[in-house]
Protein backbone atom coordinates (compact mmCIF):
# COMPACT_ATOMS: atom_id res chain seq x y z
CA UNK A 1 -11.45 -24.91 -12.94
CA UNK A 2 -9.44 -23.08 -15.61
CA UNK A 3 -6.21 -24.46 -16.74
CA UNK A 4 -4.98 -21.21 -18.09
CA UNK A 5 -5.15 -17.72 -16.45
CA UNK A 6 -7.20 -14.99 -18.12
CA UNK A 7 -5.23 -12.13 -19.56
CA UNK A 8 -8.18 -9.75 -19.31
CA UNK A 9 -7.15 -6.38 -17.93
CA UNK A 10 -9.67 -4.39 -15.81
CA UNK A 11 -10.09 -0.74 -16.11
CA UNK A 12 -9.06 1.81 -13.57
CA UNK A 13 -11.07 2.23 -10.33
CA UNK A 14 -10.23 -0.98 -8.41
CA UNK A 15 -6.53 -1.96 -8.22
CA UNK A 16 -4.93 -5.46 -7.94
CA UNK A 17 -2.49 -6.99 -5.67
CA UNK A 18 0.08 -9.42 -6.96
CA UNK A 19 1.50 -11.44 -4.21
CA UNK A 20 4.40 -13.53 -5.40
CA UNK A 21 6.05 -16.41 -3.40
CA UNK A 22 9.56 -15.48 -4.58
CA UNK A 23 11.93 -16.48 -7.20
CA UNK A 24 9.64 -15.41 -10.03
CA UNK A 25 11.20 -15.66 -13.43
CA UNK A 26 12.89 -12.33 -14.33
CA UNK A 27 14.68 -13.43 -17.58
CA UNK A 28 12.87 -15.92 -19.85
CA UNK A 29 9.28 -16.83 -19.45
CA UNK A 30 8.29 -13.96 -17.29
CA UNK A 31 4.55 -14.90 -16.88
CA UNK A 32 4.11 -13.29 -13.45
CA UNK A 33 5.86 -9.95 -14.28
CA UNK A 34 4.14 -9.77 -17.47
CA UNK A 35 0.83 -10.13 -15.94
CA UNK A 36 1.78 -7.50 -13.28
CA UNK A 37 2.59 -5.14 -16.12
CA UNK A 38 -0.74 -5.97 -17.90
CA UNK A 39 -2.80 -5.22 -14.86
CA UNK A 40 -0.84 -1.93 -14.26
CA UNK A 41 -1.75 -0.97 -17.86
CA UNK A 42 0.66 -2.40 -20.28
CA UNK A 43 3.90 -0.80 -21.70
CA UNK A 44 2.74 2.70 -21.25
CA UNK A 45 2.39 2.17 -17.51
CA UNK A 46 4.43 3.94 -14.88
CA UNK A 47 6.28 1.28 -12.82
CA UNK A 48 8.00 1.98 -9.48
CA UNK A 49 10.32 -0.53 -8.05
CA UNK A 50 10.58 -0.42 -4.38
CA UNK A 51 13.83 -2.15 -3.28
CA UNK A 52 13.82 -0.97 0.48
CA UNK A 53 13.53 -4.72 1.67
CA UNK A 54 17.21 -5.12 0.55
CA UNK A 55 20.46 -3.24 1.26
CA UNK A 56 21.60 -4.13 -2.25
CA UNK A 57 19.60 -1.46 -4.02
CA UNK A 58 21.78 -1.10 -7.17
CA UNK A 59 21.82 -4.90 -7.87
CA UNK A 60 18.26 -5.44 -7.28
CA UNK A 61 17.37 -2.36 -9.38
CA UNK A 62 19.30 -3.54 -12.23
CA UNK A 63 17.68 -6.82 -12.26
CA UNK A 64 14.12 -5.44 -12.27
CA UNK A 65 14.85 -2.49 -14.60
CA UNK A 66 16.18 -4.99 -17.15
CA UNK A 67 13.16 -7.38 -16.67
CA UNK A 68 10.50 -4.68 -17.00
CA UNK A 69 12.28 -3.04 -19.95
CA UNK A 70 12.52 -6.42 -21.82
CA UNK A 71 8.65 -6.76 -21.32
CA UNK A 72 8.28 -3.33 -23.27
CA UNK A 73 7.78 -1.00 -20.12
CA UNK A 74 8.92 2.62 -21.25
CA UNK A 75 8.74 4.28 -17.87
CA UNK A 76 10.45 2.31 -14.95
CA UNK A 77 11.72 4.17 -11.90
CA UNK A 78 13.05 3.78 -8.40
CA UNK A 79 14.31 5.38 -5.47
CA UNK A 80 17.11 4.25 -2.95
CA UNK A 81 15.19 4.34 0.42
CA UNK A 82 18.11 4.24 2.86
CA UNK A 83 16.17 5.71 5.94
CA UNK A 84 12.84 6.74 7.18
CA UNK A 85 13.64 10.32 6.03
CA UNK A 86 13.90 9.10 2.54
CA UNK A 87 10.57 7.29 2.95
CA UNK A 88 8.98 10.56 3.99
CA UNK A 89 10.11 12.64 1.01
CA UNK A 90 7.06 14.24 -0.58
CA UNK A 91 8.61 13.87 -4.06
CA UNK A 92 9.12 10.13 -3.68
CA UNK A 93 5.66 9.61 -2.16
CA UNK A 94 4.21 11.58 -5.22
CA UNK A 95 6.05 9.22 -7.60
CA UNK A 96 4.36 6.26 -5.83
CA UNK A 97 1.01 7.74 -5.80
CA UNK A 98 1.27 8.46 -9.56
CA UNK A 99 2.75 5.01 -10.48
CA UNK A 100 0.43 2.53 -12.27
CA UNK A 101 2.35 -0.28 -10.77
CA UNK A 102 4.48 -0.59 -7.59
CA UNK A 103 6.63 -3.78 -7.14
CA UNK A 104 8.24 -4.44 -3.83
CA UNK A 105 11.24 -6.71 -4.23
CA UNK A 106 12.62 -9.31 -1.86
CA UNK A 107 15.07 -9.13 1.08
CA UNK A 108 13.93 -8.78 4.65
CA UNK A 109 10.51 -7.89 5.53
CA UNK A 110 11.55 -6.41 8.98
CA UNK A 111 13.90 -4.12 7.19
CA UNK A 112 11.23 -3.14 4.80
CA UNK A 113 8.62 -2.28 7.61
CA UNK A 114 11.31 -0.34 9.64
CA UNK A 115 12.15 1.89 6.68
CA UNK A 116 8.68 2.47 5.22
CA UNK A 117 5.94 1.59 7.80
CA UNK A 118 3.70 4.57 8.46
CA UNK A 119 5.55 6.86 6.19
CA UNK A 120 4.41 9.05 3.23
CA UNK A 121 5.36 6.38 0.74
CA UNK A 122 3.26 3.77 2.63
CA UNK A 123 0.15 5.94 2.50
CA UNK A 124 0.89 6.84 -1.13
CA UNK A 125 0.77 3.17 -1.93
CA UNK A 126 -2.67 2.66 -0.21
CA UNK A 127 -4.09 5.62 -1.97
CA UNK A 128 -2.72 4.53 -5.41
CA UNK A 129 -4.50 1.21 -4.92
CA UNK A 130 -7.78 2.64 -3.72
CA UNK A 131 -8.04 5.87 -5.69
CA UNK A 132 -6.09 5.29 -8.85
CA UNK A 133 -6.66 1.66 -9.46
CA UNK A 134 -2.86 0.97 -9.35
CA UNK A 135 -1.39 -2.61 -9.18
CA UNK A 136 0.69 -3.40 -6.17
CA UNK A 137 3.09 -6.24 -6.25
CA UNK A 138 5.52 -7.82 -3.81
CA UNK A 139 7.76 -10.93 -3.92
CA UNK A 140 9.22 -12.93 -1.05
CA UNK A 141 9.76 -10.34 1.78
CA UNK A 142 7.67 -7.76 -0.28
CA UNK A 143 4.95 -10.41 -0.32
CA UNK A 144 5.00 -11.11 3.42
CA UNK A 145 4.95 -7.27 4.23
CA UNK A 146 1.64 -7.00 2.34
CA UNK A 147 -0.36 -8.50 5.22
CA UNK A 148 -1.55 -6.51 8.04
CA UNK A 149 -0.10 -9.15 10.46
CA UNK A 150 3.25 -9.87 9.08
CA UNK A 151 5.08 -13.11 9.60
CA UNK A 152 8.75 -12.12 10.21
CA UNK A 153 10.42 -14.95 11.92
CA UNK A 154 9.78 -18.59 12.45
CA UNK A 155 11.45 -21.88 12.46
CA UNK A 156 11.06 -24.48 9.70
CA UNK A 157 10.03 -27.34 11.95
CA UNK A 158 8.01 -29.91 10.00
CA UNK A 159 5.50 -29.97 12.85
CA UNK A 160 3.66 -26.99 14.34
CA UNK A 161 4.86 -25.86 17.64
CA UNK A 162 3.91 -23.28 20.06
CA UNK A 163 6.17 -20.16 20.05
CA UNK A 164 7.96 -20.99 16.96
CA UNK A 165 6.69 -18.03 14.91
CA UNK A 166 6.46 -14.35 15.50
CA UNK A 167 4.23 -11.81 13.87
CA UNK A 168 4.54 -8.10 13.54
CA UNK A 169 2.73 -5.08 11.84
CA UNK A 170 2.71 -5.17 8.04
CA UNK A 171 1.49 -2.77 5.31
CA UNK A 172 -2.09 -3.85 5.71
CA UNK A 173 -2.90 -4.30 2.00
CA UNK A 174 -4.51 -7.52 2.90
CA UNK A 175 -6.28 -7.68 6.30
CA UNK A 176 -7.15 -11.25 7.55
CA UNK A 177 -4.27 -13.26 6.03
CA UNK A 178 -0.69 -14.17 6.98
CA UNK A 179 1.38 -14.65 4.03
CA UNK A 180 4.24 -17.04 3.77
CA UNK A 181 6.46 -17.45 0.78
CA UNK A 182 8.88 -20.03 -0.66
CA UNK A 183 6.26 -22.20 0.74
CA UNK A 184 6.59 -25.77 -0.61
CA UNK A 185 10.29 -25.43 -1.41
CA UNK A 186 11.12 -24.59 2.12
CA UNK A 187 8.59 -26.92 3.68
CA UNK A 188 6.83 -24.09 5.68
CA UNK A 189 3.47 -25.80 6.31
CA UNK A 190 4.51 -26.43 9.90
CA UNK A 191 5.28 -22.85 10.61
CA UNK A 192 2.27 -21.47 8.92
CA UNK A 193 0.16 -23.90 10.95
CA UNK A 194 1.84 -22.54 14.03
CA UNK A 195 0.91 -19.06 13.12
CA UNK A 196 -2.61 -19.93 12.51
CA UNK A 197 -2.84 -21.95 15.74
CA UNK A 198 -1.63 -18.73 17.55
CA UNK A 199 -4.09 -16.42 15.71
CA UNK A 200 -7.07 -18.63 14.69
CA UNK A 201 -9.07 -15.51 13.28
CA UNK A 202 -6.38 -15.17 10.62
CA UNK A 203 -6.08 -17.40 7.58
CA UNK A 204 -2.67 -18.53 6.34
CA UNK A 205 -1.61 -18.25 2.77
CA UNK A 206 1.53 -20.16 1.62
CA UNK A 207 2.60 -19.25 -1.83
CA UNK A 208 5.16 -21.35 -3.78
CA UNK A 209 8.08 -19.94 -5.66
CA UNK A 210 7.46 -18.63 -9.11
CA UNK A 211 3.75 -18.36 -8.16
CA UNK A 212 1.54 -15.50 -7.70
CA UNK A 213 -1.81 -14.96 -5.87
CA UNK A 214 -3.60 -12.17 -7.67
CA UNK A 215 -6.38 -10.46 -5.62
CA UNK A 216 -8.80 -7.90 -6.92
CA UNK A 217 -10.03 -6.60 -3.48
CA UNK A 218 -13.61 -7.45 -2.84
CA UNK A 219 -14.15 -9.02 -6.13
CA UNK A 220 -11.84 -11.92 -7.20
CA UNK A 221 -8.87 -14.11 -6.67
CA UNK A 222 -6.50 -15.92 -9.14
CA UNK A 223 -3.38 -18.04 -8.90
CA UNK A 224 -0.88 -17.94 -11.67
CA UNK A 225 2.72 -19.48 -12.21
CA UNK A 226 4.24 -22.77 -11.60
CA UNK A 227 3.05 -23.97 -8.20
CA UNK A 228 0.17 -23.48 -5.84
CA UNK A 229 -1.24 -21.46 -2.89
CA UNK A 230 -2.13 -23.25 0.23
CA UNK A 231 -4.83 -21.71 2.27
CA UNK A 232 -5.21 -22.64 5.93
CA UNK A 233 -8.35 -21.77 7.83
CA UNK A 234 -8.30 -22.43 11.64
CA UNK A 235 -11.47 -20.40 12.63
CA UNK A 236 -13.32 -23.54 13.63
CA UNK A 237 -10.01 -25.30 14.87
CA UNK A 238 -9.71 -26.96 18.32
CA UNK A 239 -6.19 -26.88 19.76
CA UNK A 240 -4.19 -27.16 22.90
CA UNK A 241 -2.21 -23.94 22.19
CA UNK A 242 -3.05 -22.50 25.66
CA UNK A 243 -2.24 -25.58 27.51
CA UNK A 244 1.15 -26.63 26.26
CA UNK A 245 4.59 -25.09 26.80
CA UNK A 246 6.74 -23.23 24.20
CA UNK A 247 8.32 -25.53 21.58
CA UNK A 248 5.89 -28.40 22.37
CA UNK A 249 4.07 -29.81 19.25
CA UNK A 250 0.58 -28.61 18.95
CA UNK A 251 -2.53 -30.76 18.74
CA UNK A 252 -4.75 -29.25 16.06
CA UNK A 253 -8.24 -30.54 14.92
CA UNK A 254 -10.75 -29.49 12.31
CA UNK A 255 -8.30 -27.35 10.40
CA UNK A 256 -9.40 -26.60 6.79
CA UNK A 257 -6.76 -26.73 4.07
CA UNK A 258 -7.40 -25.57 0.66
CA UNK A 259 -5.00 -26.14 -2.20
CA UNK A 260 -5.28 -23.67 -5.07
CA UNK A 261 -3.03 -24.75 -8.06
CA UNK A 262 -1.91 -22.22 -10.76
CA UNK A 263 -4.67 -21.75 -13.37
CA UNK A 264 -7.64 -21.37 -10.90
CA UNK A 265 -9.60 -18.30 -10.44
CA UNK A 266 -12.54 -17.40 -8.24
CA UNK A 267 -15.23 -14.57 -8.71
CA UNK A 268 -17.09 -13.69 -5.61
CA UNK A 269 -19.70 -11.80 -7.66
CA UNK A 270 -21.21 -14.97 -8.78
CA UNK A 271 -19.68 -16.93 -5.85
CA UNK A 272 -18.41 -19.65 -8.32
CA UNK A 273 -15.27 -21.10 -9.60
CA UNK A 274 -14.56 -21.54 -13.23
CA UNK A 275 -14.87 -24.96 -14.74
CA UNK A 276 -12.63 -25.94 -17.63
CA UNK A 277 -14.75 -28.53 -19.25
CA UNK A 278 -17.60 -26.74 -20.81
CA UNK A 279 -17.37 -23.20 -19.60
CA UNK A 280 -20.15 -23.86 -16.98
CA UNK A 281 -19.67 -23.00 -13.39
CA UNK A 282 -20.17 -24.70 -10.27
CA UNK A 283 -20.79 -23.20 -6.65
CA UNK A 284 -17.94 -22.89 -4.36
CA UNK A 285 -18.05 -24.95 -1.19
CA UNK A 286 -19.19 -22.63 1.73
CA UNK A 287 -15.79 -23.12 3.46
CA UNK A 288 -13.66 -22.21 0.47
CA UNK A 289 -15.99 -19.30 -0.52
CA UNK A 290 -15.75 -17.97 3.06
CA UNK A 291 -12.04 -18.09 2.96
CA UNK A 292 -11.67 -16.42 -0.46
CA UNK A 293 -14.12 -13.67 0.76
CA UNK A 294 -11.58 -13.14 3.79
CA UNK A 295 -8.49 -13.01 1.47
CA UNK A 296 -10.06 -10.50 -0.84
CA UNK A 297 -11.62 -8.27 1.83
CA UNK A 298 -10.58 -4.64 1.91
CA UNK A 299 -8.34 -3.34 4.64
CA UNK A 300 -8.81 0.04 5.91
CA UNK A 301 -5.84 2.53 6.39
CA UNK A 302 -4.69 2.77 9.94
CA UNK A 303 -5.04 6.56 9.72
CA UNK A 304 -6.21 8.87 7.23
CA UNK A 305 -3.19 11.03 5.96
CA UNK A 306 -3.58 14.75 5.57
CA UNK A 307 -3.77 15.57 1.80
CA UNK A 308 -1.89 18.70 0.93
CA UNK A 309 -2.00 18.53 -2.94
CA UNK A 310 -3.73 16.34 -5.47
CA UNK A 311 -0.30 15.09 -6.59
CA UNK A 312 -0.25 12.80 -3.60
CA UNK A 313 1.87 14.77 -1.01
CA UNK A 314 0.85 13.37 2.39
CA UNK A 315 1.72 13.99 5.95
């Protein structure tokens, strides 16, 4: 495994997802934001900061404008999305489509989806990723919303319990993964196990603070930052979920758990993981390889928007 993340930047054509567990450093050693900028194209990239998860637009915008400016980015913009009408503005959708990097800040993922789900700017993000090779980032609530199945409410019980979590529709930038954030810091293993027990087809991805899961859809996965990403695979799990009552502790057997510390990267093309000793590679275990393939799989748009102009105006 690699001890340091590669800084190589891929060319246009296939975008990246930078899924952050929250509390990324925005003032000093900004490893995650710096990598986001690099994947978006460097200082000349157009960066759009989407603050819709929070009702404190001005405060959040000031933080990220300062951070990206300190990283040398010359074109950083935003729009205060206060309602769904704002999220359906053609001019705003065009800005997102033309952005090289779109970063969704933290707050409340329910608010984020209520404001932008299914709107022009939602579709513009999908098109920017697929057609222009844009980099889409999200932290905390912005990370959870990147899932097709979004975890939006749940208790922090240490043990998995039936009925303790709720899922809703997310943006669908990743398809078969439930994303949880602030994972180790808030002891959320129990609630992610609860979500996977309720939906065994879906994998759980718990991302620690100041840690990012970088996905190049269909190709590779990497972890950077200070912590780790915990992958939970319950597809072969046996449980008593259907037999117990709500709030009862679940019995779970044959659950696979993969811990991916910062510094590791996985390339599906060769189905190997990097080895830090001599540059050689070793094959992934079938279980881990299958889980990584599921995480990196493309997600289709839930409907194809009508294209009016090449600028990205959608209906």
